[in-house]
């Protein structure tokens, strides 16, 4: 007889719909000028979410009270780099449009919508249906991480990591928006 903590119960409860696979995703990145990123990231980090909290200590034990949304992490995309460095060129040019090299003038801080874009990350089921969607607004590359070169890594390929910042994101599961 199977008890509440049995493997059969686990399979019937948690595995009934299947397990999400971290290799099943799709990313769409579009700048405001309509330029689409046409190369699939090798890895993607999904954002964390938390609250800004204040202490309520007027009466009784101290408790934390949530007062605002907070998105604490950036989204990091990692790409294999093509021989002609197309990926690095794309992000370098985008960053040069955000803050000009010659005068450090920031187009983003002036509310210039031409410097940021949108990004959608979808997780996919095993049947290629969207199981969740993260829609990011006011996306822009904030950092290009260092790239390692060396004679001891001859059997590897070059990877480019880019940190993407955003104003806000919306999460949807199975077409249901939060």
Protein backbone atom coordinates (compact mmCIF):
# COMPACT_ATOMS: atom_id res chain seq x y z
CA UNK A 1 0.00 0.00 0.00
CA UNK A 2 1.41 3.39 -1.03
CA UNK A 3 1.59 6.09 1.64
CA UNK A 4 1.40 9.86 1.27
CA UNK A 5 5.17 10.18 0.95
CA UNK A 6 5.61 7.37 -1.53
CA UNK A 7 7.31 7.62 -4.89
CA UNK A 8 4.00 6.77 -6.56
CA UNK A 9 2.37 9.76 -4.86
CA UNK A 10 5.23 12.00 -6.02
CA UNK A 11 4.86 10.80 -9.60
CA UNK A 12 1.08 11.24 -9.57
CA UNK A 13 1.24 14.68 -7.95
CA UNK A 14 4.33 16.47 -9.24
CA UNK A 15 5.27 14.61 -12.38
CA UNK A 16 1.76 14.33 -13.83
CA UNK A 17 2.24 17.31 -16.14
CA UNK A 18 5.93 16.68 -16.72
CA UNK A 19 9.05 18.45 -15.51
CA UNK A 20 10.24 21.72 -17.01
CA UNK A 21 13.53 21.35 -18.87
CA UNK A 22 16.13 24.14 -18.60
CA UNK A 23 17.16 23.54 -22.21
CA UNK A 24 13.71 24.38 -23.61
CA UNK A 25 13.48 28.13 -24.18
CA UNK A 26 13.24 30.79 -26.83
CA UNK A 27 14.47 34.40 -26.67
CA UNK A 28 13.32 37.32 -28.79
CA UNK A 29 15.26 40.57 -28.46
CA UNK A 30 14.30 43.64 -30.46
CA UNK A 31 15.75 47.13 -30.28
CA UNK A 32 13.38 50.09 -30.60
CA UNK A 33 14.75 50.65 -34.09
CA UNK A 34 13.30 47.24 -34.99
CA UNK A 35 16.64 45.42 -35.15
CA UNK A 36 16.12 41.81 -34.05
CA UNK A 37 18.76 39.67 -32.45
CA UNK A 38 18.95 36.63 -34.72
CA UNK A 39 21.19 34.38 -32.66
CA UNK A 40 19.98 32.13 -29.86
CA UNK A 41 21.69 32.52 -26.47
CA UNK A 42 23.46 29.43 -25.21
CA UNK A 43 22.39 30.21 -21.64
CA UNK A 44 19.94 32.65 -20.06
CA UNK A 45 19.43 33.63 -16.43
CA UNK A 46 15.87 34.40 -15.46
CA UNK A 47 15.33 37.31 -13.06
CA UNK A 48 14.63 37.14 -9.38
CA UNK A 49 11.84 39.12 -7.79
CA UNK A 50 11.37 40.43 -4.28
CA UNK A 51 9.82 43.24 -2.26
CA UNK A 52 11.23 46.37 -0.73
CA UNK A 53 10.20 45.99 2.90
CA UNK A 54 9.97 48.24 5.93
CA UNK A 55 9.85 47.25 9.58
CA UNK A 56 6.51 47.71 11.33
CA UNK A 57 7.52 48.06 14.96
CA UNK A 58 4.79 50.34 16.31
CA UNK A 59 3.13 47.62 18.33
CA UNK A 60 3.98 44.02 19.13
CA UNK A 61 6.76 42.04 17.50
CA UNK A 62 8.56 43.59 14.55
CA UNK A 63 7.23 42.43 11.22
CA UNK A 64 8.28 43.12 7.65
CA UNK A 65 5.75 44.92 5.46
CA UNK A 66 6.14 44.82 1.66
CA UNK A 67 5.86 48.32 0.13
CA UNK A 68 7.20 48.03 -3.43
CA UNK A 69 8.27 45.57 -6.11
CA UNK A 70 11.94 45.02 -6.64
CA UNK A 71 13.72 43.27 -9.50
CA UNK A 72 17.09 42.47 -8.05
CA UNK A 73 18.94 40.74 -10.87
CA UNK A 74 19.89 41.47 -14.40
CA UNK A 75 19.29 38.99 -17.19
CA UNK A 76 22.56 37.50 -18.42
CA UNK A 77 22.71 36.08 -21.94
CA UNK A 78 25.61 33.92 -23.08
CA UNK A 79 26.29 33.48 -26.79
CA UNK A 80 28.67 31.41 -28.86
CA UNK A 81 30.68 33.94 -30.88
CA UNK A 82 30.86 33.66 -34.65
CA UNK A 83 34.20 34.00 -36.40
CA UNK A 84 33.36 37.51 -37.64
CA UNK A 85 32.36 38.67 -34.11
CA UNK A 86 28.80 39.63 -35.21
CA UNK A 87 27.47 39.20 -31.68
CA UNK A 88 30.07 41.48 -30.06
CA UNK A 89 29.62 44.06 -32.83
CA UNK A 90 25.85 44.13 -32.25
CA UNK A 91 26.11 44.82 -28.51
CA UNK A 92 29.05 47.25 -28.82
CA UNK A 93 27.07 49.34 -31.33
CA UNK A 94 23.95 49.27 -29.13
CA UNK A 95 25.95 50.41 -26.09
CA UNK A 96 27.57 53.20 -28.14
CA UNK A 97 24.06 54.49 -28.91
CA UNK A 98 23.13 54.64 -25.23
CA UNK A 99 26.10 56.70 -23.98
CA UNK A 100 28.16 58.52 -26.59
CA UNK A 101 31.91 57.91 -26.37
CA UNK A 102 33.01 61.45 -27.19
CA UNK A 103 30.96 63.36 -24.59
CA UNK A 104 29.46 60.69 -22.26
CA UNK A 105 25.99 62.00 -23.09
CA UNK A 106 23.35 59.51 -21.99
CA UNK A 107 20.40 59.15 -24.30
CA UNK A 108 18.71 56.77 -21.84
CA UNK A 109 18.64 59.28 -18.97
CA UNK A 110 16.95 61.80 -21.28
CA UNK A 111 14.13 59.32 -21.95
CA UNK A 112 15.20 58.68 -25.53
CA UNK A 113 13.21 55.58 -26.46
CA UNK A 114 15.52 54.78 -29.36
CA UNK A 115 18.15 53.27 -27.03
CA UNK A 116 16.20 50.46 -25.44
CA UNK A 117 14.14 47.60 -26.71
CA UNK A 118 12.01 44.68 -25.64
CA UNK A 119 12.91 41.12 -24.81
CA UNK A 120 10.72 38.06 -24.41
CA UNK A 121 11.95 34.81 -22.89
CA UNK A 122 9.61 31.86 -23.27
CA UNK A 123 10.01 28.52 -21.57
CA UNK A 124 8.82 25.66 -23.73
CA UNK A 125 7.17 22.36 -22.97
CA UNK A 126 8.44 19.13 -24.53
CA UNK A 127 5.84 19.64 -27.28
CA UNK A 128 7.23 23.14 -28.06
CA UNK A 129 4.27 24.96 -26.51
CA UNK A 130 4.96 28.05 -24.44
CA UNK A 131 4.64 27.18 -20.75
CA UNK A 132 5.66 30.59 -19.41
CA UNK A 133 6.69 33.94 -20.76
CA UNK A 134 8.79 36.78 -19.35
CA UNK A 135 8.22 40.07 -21.18
CA UNK A 136 10.85 42.73 -20.41
CA UNK A 137 10.35 46.45 -21.04
CA UNK A 138 13.02 49.10 -21.62
CA UNK A 139 15.78 46.53 -22.14
CA UNK A 140 19.34 47.56 -22.86
CA UNK A 141 22.79 45.95 -22.55
CA UNK A 142 24.54 47.23 -19.42
CA UNK A 143 27.71 45.11 -19.48
CA UNK A 144 29.72 42.98 -21.83
CA UNK A 145 31.61 40.56 -19.60
CA UNK A 146 35.31 39.81 -20.15
CA UNK A 147 36.07 37.10 -22.71
CA UNK A 148 38.84 34.60 -22.01
CA UNK A 149 41.40 33.83 -24.68
CA UNK A 150 44.25 31.38 -24.23
CA UNK A 151 46.38 28.67 -25.75
CA UNK A 152 45.14 26.13 -23.19
CA UNK A 153 41.53 26.23 -24.47
CA UNK A 154 42.07 25.13 -28.06
CA UNK A 155 39.20 22.63 -28.06
CA UNK A 156 36.61 25.16 -26.89
CA UNK A 157 34.84 28.05 -28.58
CA UNK A 158 34.50 31.69 -27.64
CA UNK A 159 31.48 32.78 -25.58
CA UNK A 160 30.15 36.27 -25.06
CA UNK A 161 28.17 37.13 -21.93
CA UNK A 162 26.00 40.23 -21.90
CA UNK A 163 24.10 41.62 -18.90
CA UNK A 164 20.76 43.11 -19.86
CA UNK A 165 19.00 45.65 -17.64
CA UNK A 166 15.30 46.39 -17.81
CA UNK A 167 12.70 48.72 -16.34
CA UNK A 168 10.13 46.04 -15.48
CA UNK A 169 9.01 42.61 -16.52
CA UNK A 170 5.72 40.80 -16.73
CA UNK A 171 5.42 37.08 -16.09
CA UNK A 172 2.76 34.93 -17.77
CA UNK A 173 2.14 31.23 -17.20
CA UNK A 174 0.13 29.33 -19.83
CA UNK A 175 -1.14 32.62 -21.24
CA UNK A 176 -2.27 33.93 -17.83
CA UNK A 177 -0.73 37.29 -16.98
CA UNK A 178 0.18 38.19 -13.39
